[in-house]
Amino acid sequence: MSDSQPVIAQKAPYPVEVEEGKTYFWCACGKSQRQPFCDGSHKGSDFTPVKFTAESTKKAFLCGCKHSDKSPFCDGTHKGL
């Protein structure tokens, strides 16, 4: 596998509860065992996690395919993979 393409963790978003003001690190490489969040599996690759702070407490749909143009959020790209 090339380090330039992420592993598709799943072809669907991850619905997760996020808390307003809390910072999260979304897995961009697809290798994390703690999907959709980073566990450090990207080390040694070209990937870095995407840091984001939740704007409100709500259910967020985080990208599972790792190909979203709106990462860390799902934009429906998985439907075409």
N, C-alpha and C. Protein backbone atom coordinates (compact mmCIF):
# COMPACT_ATOMS: atom_id res chain seq x y z
N MET A 1 0.83 -1.20 0.00
CA MET A 1 0.00 0.00 0.00
C MET A 1 0.87 1.25 0.00
N SER A 2 0.47 2.19 -0.78
CA SER A 2 1.18 3.47 -0.85
C SER A 2 0.82 4.33 0.35
N ASP A 3 1.78 5.10 0.82
CA ASP A 3 1.50 6.01 1.93
C ASP A 3 0.79 7.27 1.46
N SER A 4 0.51 7.38 0.15
CA SER A 4 -0.15 8.58 -0.34
C SER A 4 -1.67 8.43 -0.42
N GLN A 5 -2.17 7.20 -0.29
CA GLN A 5 -3.62 6.97 -0.31
C GLN A 5 -4.06 6.40 1.04
N PRO A 6 -5.12 6.96 1.63
CA PRO A 6 -5.59 6.44 2.91
C PRO A 6 -6.29 5.09 2.76
N VAL A 7 -6.27 4.31 3.82
CA VAL A 7 -7.03 3.07 3.89
C VAL A 7 -8.50 3.46 4.08
N ILE A 8 -9.40 2.82 3.37
CA ILE A 8 -10.82 3.07 3.56
C ILE A 8 -11.25 2.27 4.79
N ALA A 9 -11.49 2.97 5.90
CA ALA A 9 -11.87 2.30 7.14
C ALA A 9 -13.27 1.70 7.01
N GLN A 10 -14.19 2.45 6.41
CA GLN A 10 -15.54 1.95 6.10
C GLN A 10 -16.17 2.89 5.09
N LYS A 11 -17.08 2.36 4.28
CA LYS A 11 -17.74 3.17 3.26
C LYS A 11 -19.06 3.72 3.80
N ALA A 12 -18.95 4.40 4.93
CA ALA A 12 -20.09 5.05 5.58
C ALA A 12 -19.51 6.00 6.62
N PRO A 13 -20.26 7.03 6.99
CA PRO A 13 -19.76 7.93 8.03
C PRO A 13 -19.85 7.28 9.41
N TYR A 14 -19.10 7.83 10.34
CA TYR A 14 -19.17 7.43 11.74
C TYR A 14 -20.01 8.46 12.48
N PRO A 15 -21.21 8.08 12.96
CA PRO A 15 -21.99 9.02 13.76
C PRO A 15 -21.43 9.04 15.18
N VAL A 16 -20.94 10.18 15.62
CA VAL A 16 -20.36 10.30 16.95
C VAL A 16 -20.89 11.54 17.67
N GLU A 17 -21.02 11.43 18.97
CA GLU A 17 -21.43 12.58 19.78
C GLU A 17 -20.18 13.40 20.08
N VAL A 18 -20.21 14.66 19.72
CA VAL A 18 -19.10 15.57 20.02
C VAL A 18 -19.58 16.62 21.01
N GLU A 19 -18.66 17.12 21.82
CA GLU A 19 -18.98 18.05 22.88
C GLU A 19 -18.46 19.45 22.55
N GLU A 20 -19.31 20.45 22.67
CA GLU A 20 -18.93 21.83 22.37
C GLU A 20 -17.64 22.23 23.09
N GLY A 21 -16.70 22.79 22.33
CA GLY A 21 -15.44 23.27 22.89
C GLY A 21 -14.37 22.21 23.04
N LYS A 22 -14.72 20.94 22.87
CA LYS A 22 -13.74 19.86 23.01
C LYS A 22 -12.99 19.66 21.69
N THR A 23 -11.70 19.38 21.78
CA THR A 23 -10.86 19.17 20.60
C THR A 23 -10.73 17.68 20.31
N TYR A 24 -10.83 17.33 19.04
CA TYR A 24 -10.75 15.94 18.58
C TYR A 24 -9.69 15.83 17.49
N PHE A 25 -9.17 14.63 17.33
CA PHE A 25 -8.21 14.36 16.26
C PHE A 25 -8.77 13.22 15.41
N TRP A 26 -9.22 13.57 14.20
CA TRP A 26 -9.81 12.61 13.27
C TRP A 26 -8.71 11.87 12.52
N CYS A 27 -8.83 10.56 12.44
CA CYS A 27 -7.87 9.74 11.72
C CYS A 27 -7.98 10.00 10.22
N ALA A 28 -6.87 10.40 9.59
CA ALA A 28 -6.85 10.67 8.15
C ALA A 28 -6.26 9.50 7.36
N CYS A 29 -5.54 8.60 8.02
CA CYS A 29 -4.86 7.51 7.31
C CYS A 29 -5.73 6.27 7.14
N GLY A 30 -6.73 6.10 8.01
CA GLY A 30 -7.61 4.95 7.95
C GLY A 30 -7.10 3.73 8.71
N LYS A 31 -5.94 3.82 9.34
CA LYS A 31 -5.34 2.66 10.02
C LYS A 31 -5.66 2.59 11.52
N SER A 32 -6.20 3.64 12.09
CA SER A 32 -6.46 3.69 13.53
C SER A 32 -7.39 2.56 13.96
N GLN A 33 -7.12 2.00 15.12
CA GLN A 33 -8.01 1.00 15.71
C GLN A 33 -9.10 1.69 16.54
N ARG A 34 -9.06 3.01 16.64
CA ARG A 34 -10.04 3.79 17.40
C ARG A 34 -10.89 4.66 16.47
N GLN A 35 -11.21 4.17 15.28
CA GLN A 35 -11.98 4.94 14.30
C GLN A 35 -13.19 5.59 14.93
N PRO A 36 -13.49 6.80 14.53
CA PRO A 36 -12.86 7.60 13.49
C PRO A 36 -11.72 8.49 14.01
N PHE A 37 -11.27 8.21 15.24
CA PHE A 37 -10.26 9.06 15.85
C PHE A 37 -8.86 8.46 15.72
N CYS A 38 -7.86 9.32 15.80
CA CYS A 38 -6.45 8.94 15.66
C CYS A 38 -5.96 8.15 16.87
N ASP A 39 -5.17 7.10 16.61
CA ASP A 39 -4.49 6.37 17.69
C ASP A 39 -2.97 6.34 17.46
N GLY A 40 -2.49 7.14 16.50
CA GLY A 40 -1.06 7.21 16.23
C GLY A 40 -0.59 6.26 15.14
N SER A 41 -1.49 5.50 14.53
CA SER A 41 -1.11 4.52 13.49
C SER A 41 -0.50 5.15 12.25
N HIS A 42 -0.68 6.45 12.07
CA HIS A 42 -0.15 7.15 10.89
C HIS A 42 1.37 7.35 10.97
N LYS A 43 1.96 7.16 12.12
CA LYS A 43 3.40 7.45 12.28
C LYS A 43 4.21 6.72 11.22
N GLY A 44 5.10 7.47 10.57
CA GLY A 44 5.92 6.90 9.50
C GLY A 44 5.27 7.01 8.13
N SER A 45 4.07 7.58 8.06
CA SER A 45 3.39 7.75 6.77
C SER A 45 3.34 9.24 6.43
N ASP A 46 2.69 9.55 5.31
CA ASP A 46 2.53 10.94 4.88
C ASP A 46 1.33 11.62 5.54
N PHE A 47 0.62 10.91 6.40
CA PHE A 47 -0.63 11.42 6.97
C PHE A 47 -0.43 12.03 8.35
N THR A 48 -1.28 13.01 8.64
CA THR A 48 -1.38 13.57 9.98
C THR A 48 -2.86 13.67 10.31
N PRO A 49 -3.22 13.51 11.57
CA PRO A 49 -4.64 13.61 11.93
C PRO A 49 -5.16 15.03 11.73
N VAL A 50 -6.46 15.14 11.55
CA VAL A 50 -7.11 16.44 11.40
C VAL A 50 -7.65 16.85 12.76
N LYS A 51 -7.12 17.96 13.27
CA LYS A 51 -7.56 18.49 14.56
C LYS A 51 -8.78 19.38 14.33
N PHE A 52 -9.82 19.16 15.14
CA PHE A 52 -10.98 20.06 15.07
C PHE A 52 -11.59 20.21 16.45
N THR A 53 -12.21 21.35 16.65
CA THR A 53 -12.90 21.64 17.90
C THR A 53 -14.39 21.72 17.60
N ALA A 54 -15.17 20.96 18.36
CA ALA A 54 -16.62 20.93 18.13
C ALA A 54 -17.23 22.30 18.42
N GLU A 55 -18.04 22.79 17.51
CA GLU A 55 -18.68 24.09 17.65
C GLU A 55 -19.92 24.01 18.55
N SER A 56 -20.49 22.80 18.64
CA SER A 56 -21.64 22.60 19.51
C SER A 56 -21.69 21.13 19.91
N THR A 57 -22.45 20.84 20.97
CA THR A 57 -22.64 19.46 21.40
C THR A 57 -23.74 18.89 20.52
N LYS A 58 -23.38 17.86 19.76
CA LYS A 58 -24.33 17.28 18.81
C LYS A 58 -23.78 15.97 18.26
N LYS A 59 -24.58 15.32 17.44
CA LYS A 59 -24.11 14.15 16.71
C LYS A 59 -23.47 14.65 15.43
N ALA A 60 -22.22 14.27 15.21
CA ALA A 60 -21.51 14.65 13.99
C ALA A 60 -21.28 13.39 13.16
N PHE A 61 -21.25 13.55 11.86
CA PHE A 61 -21.01 12.42 10.96
C PHE A 61 -19.62 12.57 10.38
N LEU A 62 -18.67 11.83 10.98
CA LEU A 62 -17.28 11.92 10.57
C LEU A 62 -16.98 10.94 9.46
N CYS A 63 -16.17 11.37 8.50
CA CYS A 63 -15.85 10.58 7.33
C CYS A 63 -15.21 9.25 7.71
N GLY A 64 -15.71 8.16 7.13
CA GLY A 64 -15.15 6.83 7.35
C GLY A 64 -14.29 6.35 6.20
N CYS A 65 -14.52 6.91 5.00
CA CYS A 65 -13.77 6.45 3.82
C CYS A 65 -12.43 7.16 3.67
N LYS A 66 -12.26 8.27 4.39
CA LYS A 66 -11.02 9.06 4.40
C LYS A 66 -10.76 9.81 3.10
N HIS A 67 -11.79 9.97 2.26
CA HIS A 67 -11.65 10.66 0.98
C HIS A 67 -12.52 11.92 0.88
N SER A 68 -13.20 12.31 1.96
CA SER A 68 -14.08 13.48 1.95
C SER A 68 -13.31 14.76 1.65
N ASP A 69 -13.91 15.63 0.85
CA ASP A 69 -13.33 16.96 0.61
C ASP A 69 -13.63 17.90 1.77
N LYS A 70 -14.46 17.46 2.70
CA LYS A 70 -14.84 18.28 3.84
C LYS A 70 -14.36 17.65 5.14
N SER A 71 -13.26 16.89 5.08
CA SER A 71 -12.78 16.20 6.27
C SER A 71 -12.58 17.17 7.43
N PRO A 72 -12.94 16.78 8.62
CA PRO A 72 -13.21 15.40 9.04
C PRO A 72 -14.64 14.94 8.82
N PHE A 73 -15.47 15.78 8.22
CA PHE A 73 -16.90 15.46 8.09
C PHE A 73 -17.19 14.75 6.77
N CYS A 74 -18.21 13.90 6.80
CA CYS A 74 -18.64 13.15 5.63
C CYS A 74 -19.27 14.11 4.62
N ASP A 75 -18.92 13.92 3.33
CA ASP A 75 -19.56 14.70 2.27
C ASP A 75 -20.21 13.79 1.23
N GLY A 76 -20.30 12.49 1.53
CA GLY A 76 -20.95 11.54 0.63
C GLY A 76 -20.01 10.90 -0.38
N THR A 77 -18.72 11.23 -0.34
CA THR A 77 -17.75 10.68 -1.31
C THR A 77 -17.75 9.15 -1.30
N HIS A 78 -18.02 8.54 -0.15
CA HIS A 78 -17.98 7.08 -0.02
C HIS A 78 -18.93 6.39 -1.00
N LYS A 79 -19.99 7.08 -1.42
CA LYS A 79 -20.96 6.48 -2.32
C LYS A 79 -20.38 6.16 -3.69
N GLY A 80 -19.28 6.85 -4.05
CA GLY A 80 -18.67 6.64 -5.36
C GLY A 80 -17.41 5.76 -5.34
N LEU A 81 -17.06 5.25 -4.17
CA LEU A 81 -15.83 4.44 -4.08
C LEU A 81 -16.10 2.98 -4.31
